[in-house]
């Protein structure tokens, strides 16, 4: 059998570079060497090499997170080169990466979201306008960052200005949304035309963490993850329906992972990830394994979906 020539693209220039490289190392180990001829590329240094090798590549596996990887830029580059790749296209990647546009689309499709406003730099000096529109506590987020970089929870008015200043260090656009206290779950979706919602994962950070921040995400033992999530059937079904609806609303393909908050019998959409973490113990692979799709088989399936 002829091997599939696969470009494994990881690293990049975003604040999530190290997460990307760690994931790529595990993906490379898990891909069947009898089936794939793997070539590694780092967009921070290798864009010209990807272009030069384009006619010798069958497919790309993008394992980039954040700016210039998950936002449609790498997807557009590969489109120009004629190289198929896994996951969302240019439009879907850009929409999902922009938390403001994504929430606007969720709401247009009838999906529940927390109330939010877009901040300006002027709000750093005069945050009272935001406090007149939204109720504390508040979540401050850079619009186009992942892994909770630059994110804060503000419970006291005097802390809002510094939280805004931190967020604006990570992005020129910043979102302020009402904080919803509850349990965090995530819903994976896989497929192109025929979509499947995977079992839910509940995310339980240690009590020392105010929320599921960068350290809670990546420090070993900082967070407990339960898969399948131990929640009632109504929440499970509703969350899976919302995950599928969010995937479609953002024009995604291949796979996605949508994060939500459960408060009583209510669900609120937080955001959708178009390139979820991809180590064997990451959230999406855990959910796939609970559905009977082991890590290597999951990677094979994502490549198959790319080649469709």
Foldseek 3Di string as FASTA:
>chain_A
DDAAEEEEEAQEDAPCRVLRVVLSVQLVVLADPVRHDYDYDYVVPCLVVCLVCLVVHAAYEQSYFFPCGQQQNVLVSNVVSVHFYFKFHNQLSNQQQQQVNLVVLCVVLVAAAFDKDKDALVCLVPVVVVCVVAPDFKWKAQRRHPQCQLIDTRHDPVCVSVSNVSRCVRHNIMMIGHDDDAWKKKWKWFAFPDIDIFAIKTKAFPPVDPDCHNCCQPPPPRIDIDPNDPDDPLQRVVNSVSVVSSCVSSVMHGMKMWMWGDDPPDIHTRGIGGNFRQHCPGRVNSRVVSVVQHNNNSVVSSRVRSSD
